Amino acid sequence: MTQRNLAGKLDINVKTLRKWKKDRPKVYRLLMIGLKAESMIANCKENARALEQLIQYEERIESEIEYPRDSKGINTPT
């Protein structure tokens, strides 16, 4: 992300962002870490949705499989 894009996202001037980077490195660092965390959280949410879909798919496939019955008449995977 360019500084111009970042400034736009934060609704601040690019000069302000550059000033923070130079004069307030802790503020700039926390800002950048926060933005990275925001991105990682979004990715985790997407991965969680994909994993849930995979689990549902696996359950559907599992329900379609007919396993042989054991000596008690219970279907069991081999």
PDB file of N, CA and C in Angstrom:
ATOM      1  N   MET A   1       0.853  -1.169   0.000  1.00  0.00           N
ATOM      2  CA  MET A   1       0.000   0.000   0.000  1.00  0.00           C
ATOM      3  C   MET A   1       0.903   1.239   0.000  1.00  0.00           C
ATOM      4  N   THR A   2       0.632   2.150  -0.904  1.00  0.00           N
ATOM      5  CA  THR A   2       1.425   3.375  -0.963  1.00  0.00           C
ATOM      6  C   THR A   2       1.061   4.291   0.192  1.00  0.00           C
ATOM      7  N   GLN A   3       1.941   5.251   0.450  1.00  0.00           N
ATOM      8  CA  GLN A   3       1.634   6.210   1.516  1.00  0.00           C
ATOM      9  C   GLN A   3       0.395   7.018   1.182  1.00  0.00           C
ATOM     10  N   ARG A   4       0.195   7.289  -0.096  1.00  0.00           N
ATOM     11  CA  ARG A   4      -0.996   8.031  -0.510  1.00  0.00           C
ATOM     12  C   ARG A   4      -2.258   7.205  -0.217  1.00  0.00           C
ATOM     13  N   ASN A   5      -2.229   5.922  -0.552  1.00  0.00           N
ATOM     14  CA  ASN A   5      -3.376   5.046  -0.269  1.00  0.00           C
ATOM     15  C   ASN A   5      -3.617   4.925   1.225  1.00  0.00           C
ATOM     16  N   LEU A   6      -2.533   4.761   1.977  1.00  0.00           N
ATOM     17  CA  LEU A   6      -2.642   4.639   3.424  1.00  0.00           C
ATOM     18  C   LEU A   6      -3.222   5.904   4.039  1.00  0.00           C
ATOM     19  N   ALA A   7      -2.723   7.046   3.611  1.00  0.00           N
ATOM     20  CA  ALA A   7      -3.250   8.317   4.117  1.00  0.00           C
ATOM     21  C   ALA A   7      -4.734   8.454   3.785  1.00  0.00           C
ATOM     22  N   GLY A   8      -5.105   8.055   2.577  1.00  0.00           N
ATOM     23  CA  GLY A   8      -6.519   8.117   2.195  1.00  0.00           C
ATOM     24  C   GLY A   8      -7.371   7.208   3.055  1.00  0.00           C
ATOM     25  N   LYS A   9      -6.869   6.023   3.324  1.00  0.00           N
ATOM     26  CA  LYS A   9      -7.608   5.079   4.168  1.00  0.00           C
ATOM     27  C   LYS A   9      -7.812   5.629   5.577  1.00  0.00           C
ATOM     28  N   LEU A  10      -6.807   6.358   6.058  1.00  0.00           N
ATOM     29  CA  LEU A  10      -6.869   6.912   7.416  1.00  0.00           C
ATOM     30  C   LEU A  10      -7.512   8.296   7.443  1.00  0.00           C
ATOM     31  N   ASP A  11      -7.834   8.825   6.271  1.00  0.00           N
ATOM     32  CA  ASP A  11      -8.429  10.152   6.139  1.00  0.00           C
ATOM     33  C   ASP A  11      -7.514  11.221   6.737  1.00  0.00           C
ATOM     34  N   ILE A  12      -6.225  11.109   6.399  1.00  0.00           N
ATOM     35  CA  ILE A  12      -5.248  12.110   6.809  1.00  0.00           C
ATOM     36  C   ILE A  12      -4.430  12.514   5.596  1.00  0.00           C
ATOM     37  N   ASN A  13      -3.675  13.576   5.740  1.00  0.00           N
ATOM     38  CA  ASN A  13      -2.810  14.068   4.683  1.00  0.00           C
ATOM     39  C   ASN A  13      -1.553  13.215   4.617  1.00  0.00           C
ATOM     40  N   VAL A  14      -1.006  13.039   3.424  1.00  0.00           N
ATOM     41  CA  VAL A  14       0.228  12.267   3.251  1.00  0.00           C
ATOM     42  C   VAL A  14       1.352  12.901   4.064  1.00  0.00           C
ATOM     43  N   LYS A  15       1.381  14.232   4.134  1.00  0.00           N
ATOM     44  CA  LYS A  15       2.413  14.920   4.911  1.00  0.00           C
ATOM     45  C   LYS A  15       2.320  14.532   6.385  1.00  0.00           C
ATOM     46  N   THR A  16       1.110  14.386   6.875  1.00  0.00           N
ATOM     47  CA  THR A  16       0.918  13.979   8.272  1.00  0.00           C
ATOM     48  C   THR A  16       1.509  12.597   8.501  1.00  0.00           C
ATOM     49  N   LEU A  17       1.229  11.692   7.597  1.00  0.00           N
ATOM     50  CA  LEU A  17       1.754  10.334   7.709  1.00  0.00           C
ATOM     51  C   LEU A  17       3.278  10.344   7.691  1.00  0.00           C
ATOM     52  N   ARG A  18       3.865  11.117   6.789  1.00  0.00           N
ATOM     53  CA  ARG A  18       5.326  11.206   6.717  1.00  0.00           C
ATOM     54  C   ARG A  18       5.907  11.836   7.982  1.00  0.00           C
ATOM     55  N   LYS A  19       5.205  12.829   8.507  1.00  0.00           N
ATOM     56  CA  LYS A  19       5.643  13.485   9.746  1.00  0.00           C
ATOM     57  C   LYS A  19       5.606  12.498  10.905  1.00  0.00           C
ATOM     58  N   TRP A  20       4.530  11.699  10.988  1.00  0.00           N
ATOM     59  CA  TRP A  20       4.453  10.686  12.049  1.00  0.00           C
ATOM     60  C   TRP A  20       5.613   9.700  11.932  1.00  0.00           C
ATOM     61  N   LYS A  21       5.898   9.293  10.714  1.00  0.00           N
ATOM     62  CA  LYS A  21       6.974   8.327  10.502  1.00  0.00           C
ATOM     63  C   LYS A  21       8.315   8.895  10.976  1.00  0.00           C
ATOM     64  N   LYS A  22       8.529  10.182  10.709  1.00  0.00           N
ATOM     65  CA  LYS A  22       9.795  10.827  11.078  1.00  0.00           C
ATOM     66  C   LYS A  22       9.817  11.235  12.555  1.00  0.00           C
ATOM     67  N   ASP A  23       8.773  11.925  13.014  1.00  0.00           N
ATOM     68  CA  ASP A  23       8.777  12.534  14.346  1.00  0.00           C
ATOM     69  C   ASP A  23       8.103  11.695  15.425  1.00  0.00           C
ATOM     70  N   ARG A  24       7.252  10.782  15.030  1.00  0.00           N
ATOM     71  CA  ARG A  24       6.506   9.938  15.979  1.00  0.00           C
ATOM     72  C   ARG A  24       6.628   8.476  15.555  1.00  0.00           C
ATOM     73  N   PRO A  25       7.833   7.929  15.578  1.00  0.00           N
ATOM     74  CA  PRO A  25       8.025   6.571  15.068  1.00  0.00           C
ATOM     75  C   PRO A  25       7.202   5.521  15.816  1.00  0.00           C
ATOM     76  N   LYS A  26       6.941   5.734  17.099  1.00  0.00           N
ATOM     77  CA  LYS A  26       6.131   4.767  17.846  1.00  0.00           C
ATOM     78  C   LYS A  26       4.684   4.775  17.350  1.00  0.00           C
ATOM     79  N   VAL A  27       4.172   5.959  17.077  1.00  0.00           N
ATOM     80  CA  VAL A  27       2.806   6.074  16.544  1.00  0.00           C
ATOM     81  C   VAL A  27       2.741   5.408  15.174  1.00  0.00           C
ATOM     82  N   TYR A  28       3.723   5.699  14.338  1.00  0.00           N
ATOM     83  CA  TYR A  28       3.756   5.112  12.996  1.00  0.00           C
ATOM     84  C   TYR A  28       3.866   3.591  13.083  1.00  0.00           C
ATOM     85  N   ARG A  29       4.739   3.107  13.964  1.00  0.00           N
ATOM     86  CA  ARG A  29       4.922   1.663  14.136  1.00  0.00           C
ATOM     87  C   ARG A  29       3.622   1.004  14.565  1.00  0.00           C
ATOM     88  N   LEU A  30       2.952   1.583  15.571  1.00  0.00           N
ATOM     89  CA  LEU A  30       1.686   1.009  16.037  1.00  0.00           C
ATOM     90  C   LEU A  30       0.622   1.033  14.947  1.00  0.00           C
ATOM     91  N   LEU A  31       0.609   2.091  14.177  1.00  0.00           N
ATOM     92  CA  LEU A  31      -0.333   2.200  13.069  1.00  0.00           C
ATOM     93  C   LEU A  31      -0.094   1.089  12.053  1.00  0.00           C
ATOM     94  N   MET A  32       1.167   0.883  11.683  1.00  0.00           N
ATOM     95  CA  MET A  32       1.488  -0.140  10.695  1.00  0.00           C
ATOM     96  C   MET A  32       1.196  -1.540  11.230  1.00  0.00           C
ATOM     97  N   ILE A  33       1.507  -1.787  12.484  1.00  0.00           N
ATOM     98  CA  ILE A  33       1.202  -3.087  13.090  1.00  0.00           C
ATOM     99  C   ILE A  33      -0.312  -3.302  13.123  1.00  0.00           C
ATOM    100  N   GLY A  34      -1.043  -2.271  13.483  1.00  0.00           N
ATOM    101  CA  GLY A  34      -2.507  -2.376  13.525  1.00  0.00           C
ATOM    102  C   GLY A  34      -3.097  -2.684  12.161  1.00  0.00           C
ATOM    103  N   LEU A  35      -2.581  -2.051  11.136  1.00  0.00           N
ATOM    104  CA  LEU A  35      -3.072  -2.309   9.778  1.00  0.00           C
ATOM    105  C   LEU A  35      -2.747  -3.734   9.342  1.00  0.00           C
ATOM    106  N   LYS A  36      -1.551  -4.207   9.697  1.00  0.00           N
ATOM    107  CA  LYS A  36      -1.184  -5.584   9.353  1.00  0.00           C
ATOM    108  C   LYS A  36      -2.077  -6.572  10.101  1.00  0.00           C
ATOM    109  N   ALA A  37      -2.339  -6.278  11.378  1.00  0.00           N
ATOM    110  CA  ALA A  37      -3.218  -7.142  12.170  1.00  0.00           C
ATOM    111  C   ALA A  37      -4.622  -7.170  11.568  1.00  0.00           C
ATOM    112  N   GLU A  38      -5.107  -6.024  11.134  1.00  0.00           N
ATOM    113  CA  GLU A  38      -6.426  -5.947  10.503  1.00  0.00           C
ATOM    114  C   GLU A  38      -6.482  -6.843   9.265  1.00  0.00           C
ATOM    115  N   SER A  39      -5.427  -6.796   8.474  1.00  0.00           N
ATOM    116  CA  SER A  39      -5.348  -7.627   7.275  1.00  0.00           C
ATOM    117  C   SER A  39      -5.299  -9.110   7.637  1.00  0.00           C
ATOM    118  N   MET A  40      -4.515  -9.448   8.644  1.00  0.00           N
ATOM    119  CA  MET A  40      -4.395 -10.843   9.057  1.00  0.00           C
ATOM    120  C   MET A  40      -5.716 -11.373   9.620  1.00  0.00           C
ATOM    121  N   ILE A  41      -6.440 -10.544  10.353  1.00  0.00           N
ATOM    122  CA  ILE A  41      -7.741 -10.945  10.892  1.00  0.00           C
ATOM    123  C   ILE A  41      -8.713 -11.224   9.748  1.00  0.00           C
ATOM    124  N   ALA A  42      -8.709 -10.368   8.741  1.00  0.00           N
ATOM    125  CA  ALA A  42      -9.582 -10.590   7.578  1.00  0.00           C
ATOM    126  C   ALA A  42      -9.230 -11.907   6.894  1.00  0.00           C
ATOM    127  N   ASN A  43      -7.938 -12.190   6.762  1.00  0.00           N
ATOM    128  CA  ASN A  43      -7.509 -13.449   6.150  1.00  0.00           C
ATOM    129  C   ASN A  43      -7.927 -14.649   7.000  1.00  0.00           C
ATOM    130  N   CYS A  44      -7.797 -14.518   8.311  1.00  0.00           N
ATOM    131  CA  CYS A  44      -8.209 -15.611   9.206  1.00  0.00           C
ATOM    132  C   CYS A  44      -9.704 -15.879   9.083  1.00  0.00           C
ATOM    133  N   LYS A  45     -10.494 -14.831   8.997  1.00  0.00           N
ATOM    134  CA  LYS A  45     -11.942 -15.000   8.849  1.00  0.00           C
ATOM    135  C   LYS A  45     -12.265 -15.724   7.546  1.00  0.00           C
ATOM    136  N   GLU A  46     -11.584 -15.345   6.480  1.00  0.00           N
ATOM    137  CA  GLU A  46     -11.814 -16.000   5.190  1.00  0.00           C
ATOM    138  C   GLU A  46     -11.402 -17.467   5.261  1.00  0.00           C
ATOM    139  N   ASN A  47     -10.266 -17.743   5.888  1.00  0.00           N
ATOM    140  CA  ASN A  47      -9.818 -19.124   6.043  1.00  0.00           C
ATOM    141  C   ASN A  47     -10.792 -19.929   6.899  1.00  0.00           C
ATOM    142  N   ALA A  48     -11.349 -19.304   7.928  1.00  0.00           N
ATOM    143  CA  ALA A  48     -12.322 -19.995   8.784  1.00  0.00           C
ATOM    144  C   ALA A  48     -13.579 -20.346   7.987  1.00  0.00           C
ATOM    145  N   ARG A  49     -14.021 -19.427   7.132  1.00  0.00           N
ATOM    146  CA  ARG A  49     -15.192 -19.711   6.281  1.00  0.00           C
ATOM    147  C   ARG A  49     -14.890 -20.872   5.332  1.00  0.00           C
ATOM    148  N   ALA A  50     -13.705 -20.858   4.737  1.00  0.00           N
ATOM    149  CA  ALA A  50     -13.330 -21.931   3.814  1.00  0.00           C
ATOM    150  C   ALA A  50     -13.226 -23.260   4.556  1.00  0.00           C
ATOM    151  N   LEU A  51     -12.693 -23.247   5.757  1.00  0.00           N
ATOM    152  CA  LEU A  51     -12.587 -24.464   6.553  1.00  0.00           C
ATOM    153  C   LEU A  51     -13.972 -24.993   6.918  1.00  0.00           C
ATOM    154  N   GLU A  52     -14.878 -24.115   7.263  1.00  0.00           N
ATOM    155  CA  GLU A  52     -16.242 -24.542   7.581  1.00  0.00           C
ATOM    156  C   GLU A  52     -16.897 -25.191   6.364  1.00  0.00           C
ATOM    157  N   GLN A  53     -16.672 -24.631   5.193  1.00  0.00           N
ATOM    158  CA  GLN A  53     -17.214 -25.227   3.967  1.00  0.00           C
ATOM    159  C   GLN A  53     -16.606 -26.608   3.731  1.00  0.00           C
ATOM    160  N   LEU A  54     -15.331 -26.747   3.983  1.00  0.00           N
ATOM    161  CA  LEU A  54     -14.669 -28.040   3.818  1.00  0.00           C
ATOM    162  C   LEU A  54     -15.231 -29.062   4.804  1.00  0.00           C
ATOM    163  N   ILE A  55     -15.456 -28.649   6.029  1.00  0.00           N
ATOM    164  CA  ILE A  55     -16.027 -29.549   7.034  1.00  0.00           C
ATOM    165  C   ILE A  55     -17.415 -30.000   6.612  1.00  0.00           C
ATOM    166  N   GLN A  56     -18.228 -29.070   6.144  1.00  0.00           N
ATOM    167  CA  GLN A  56     -19.571 -29.419   5.684  1.00  0.00           C
ATOM    168  C   GLN A  56     -19.499 -30.383   4.499  1.00  0.00           C
ATOM    169  N   TYR A  57     -18.569 -30.140   3.587  1.00  0.00           N
ATOM    170  CA  TYR A  57     -18.406 -31.022   2.437  1.00  0.00           C
ATOM    171  C   TYR A  57     -18.005 -32.416   2.907  1.00  0.00           C
ATOM    172  N   GLU A  58     -17.056 -32.488   3.806  1.00  0.00           N
ATOM    173  CA  GLU A  58     -16.593 -33.776   4.322  1.00  0.00           C
ATOM    174  C   GLU A  58     -17.737 -34.513   5.007  1.00  0.00           C
ATOM    175  N   GLU A  59     -18.552 -33.804   5.785  1.00  0.00           N
ATOM    176  CA  GLU A  59     -19.686 -34.436   6.456  1.00  0.00           C
ATOM    177  C   GLU A  59     -20.699 -34.966   5.445  1.00  0.00           C
ATOM    178  N   ARG A  60     -20.912 -34.206   4.369  1.00  0.00           N
ATOM    179  CA  ARG A  60     -21.859 -34.649   3.337  1.00  0.00           C
ATOM    180  C   ARG A  60     -21.343 -35.904   2.647  1.00  0.00           C
ATOM    181  N   ILE A  61     -20.066 -35.906   2.311  1.00  0.00           N
ATOM    182  CA  ILE A  61     -19.472 -37.079   1.673  1.00  0.00           C
ATOM    183  C   ILE A  61     -19.538 -38.270   2.621  1.00  0.00           C
ATOM    184  N   GLU A  62     -19.201 -38.048   3.873  1.00  0.00           N
ATOM    185  CA  GLU A  62     -19.223 -39.120   4.878  1.00  0.00           C
ATOM    186  C   GLU A  62     -20.621 -39.723   4.990  1.00  0.00           C
ATOM    187  N   SER A  63     -21.640 -38.868   4.917  1.00  0.00           N
ATOM    188  CA  SER A  63     -23.016 -39.377   5.051  1.00  0.00           C
ATOM    189  C   SER A  63     -23.440 -40.201   3.833  1.00  0.00           C
ATOM    190  N   GLU A  64     -22.761 -40.006   2.710  1.00  0.00           N
ATOM    191  CA  GLU A  64     -23.095 -40.750   1.499  1.00  0.00           C
ATOM    192  C   GLU A  64     -22.426 -42.121   1.446  1.00  0.00           C
ATOM    193  N   ILE A  65     -21.428 -42.327   2.265  1.00  0.00           N
ATOM    194  CA  ILE A  65     -20.678 -43.583   2.237  1.00  0.00           C
ATOM    195  C   ILE A  65     -21.394 -44.626   3.089  1.00  0.00           C
ATOM    196  N   GLU A  66     -21.505 -45.809   2.548  1.00  0.00           N
ATOM    197  CA  GLU A  66     -22.079 -46.918   3.309  1.00  0.00           C
ATOM    198  C   GLU A  66     -20.945 -47.831   3.736  1.00  0.00           C
ATOM    199  N   TYR A  67     -20.703 -47.865   5.025  1.00  0.00           N
ATOM    200  CA  TYR A  67     -19.637 -48.700   5.564  1.00  0.00           C
ATOM    201  C   TYR A  67     -20.173 -50.102   5.836  1.00  0.00           C
ATOM    202  N   PRO A  68     -19.294 -51.099   5.779  1.00  0.00           N
ATOM    203  CA  PRO A  68     -19.723 -52.459   6.127  1.00  0.00           C
ATOM    204  C   PRO A  68     -20.129 -52.513   7.607  1.00  0.00           C
ATOM    205  N   ARG A  69     -21.030 -53.412   7.914  1.00  0.00           N
ATOM    206  CA  ARG A  69     -21.499 -53.552   9.304  1.00  0.00           C
ATOM    207  C   ARG A  69     -20.568 -54.480  10.069  1.00  0.00           C
ATOM    208  N   ASP A  70     -20.377 -54.153  11.349  1.00  0.00           N
ATOM    209  CA  ASP A  70     -19.569 -55.032  12.183  1.00  0.00           C
ATOM    210  C   ASP A  70     -20.444 -56.166  12.723  1.00  0.00           C
ATOM    211  N   SER A  71     -19.919 -56.974  13.612  1.00  0.00           N
ATOM    212  CA  SER A  71     -20.647 -58.130  14.131  1.00  0.00           C
ATOM    213  C   SER A  71     -21.910 -57.731  14.905  1.00  0.00           C
ATOM    214  N   LYS A  72     -21.975 -56.490  15.364  1.00  0.00           N
ATOM    215  CA  LYS A  72     -23.157 -56.005  16.098  1.00  0.00           C
ATOM    216  C   LYS A  72     -24.146 -55.318  15.175  1.00  0.00           C
ATOM    217  N   GLY A  73     -23.833 -55.268  13.881  1.00  0.00           N
ATOM    218  CA  GLY A  73     -24.746 -54.658  12.918  1.00  0.00           C
ATOM    219  C   GLY A  73     -24.564 -53.145  12.808  1.00  0.00           C
ATOM    220  N   ILE A  74     -23.441 -52.621  13.307  1.00  0.00           N
ATOM    221  CA  ILE A  74     -23.189 -51.186  13.278  1.00  0.00           C
ATOM    222  C   ILE A  74     -22.258 -50.876  12.098  1.00  0.00           C
ATOM    223  N   ASN A  75     -22.622 -49.866  11.305  1.00  0.00           N
ATOM    224  CA  ASN A  75     -21.751 -49.456  10.217  1.00  0.00           C
ATOM    225  C   ASN A  75     -20.494 -48.839  10.782  1.00  0.00           C
ATOM    226  N   THR A  76     -19.349 -49.321  10.342  1.00  0.00           N
ATOM    227  CA  THR A  76     -18.055 -48.803  10.828  1.00  0.00           C
ATOM    228  C   THR A  76     -17.109 -48.622   9.669  1.00  0.00           C
ATOM    229  N   PRO A  77     -16.340 -47.531   9.707  1.00  0.00           N
ATOM    230  CA  PRO A  77     -15.313 -47.342   8.677  1.00  0.00           C
ATOM    231  C   PRO A  77     -14.250 -48.417   8.807  1.00  0.00           C
ATOM    232  N   THR A  78     -13.685 -48.809   7.689  1.00  0.00           N
ATOM    233  CA  THR A  78     -12.626 -49.825   7.728  1.00  0.00           C
ATOM    234  C   THR A  78     -11.272 -49.184   7.788  1.00  0.00           C
TER     235      THR A  78
END
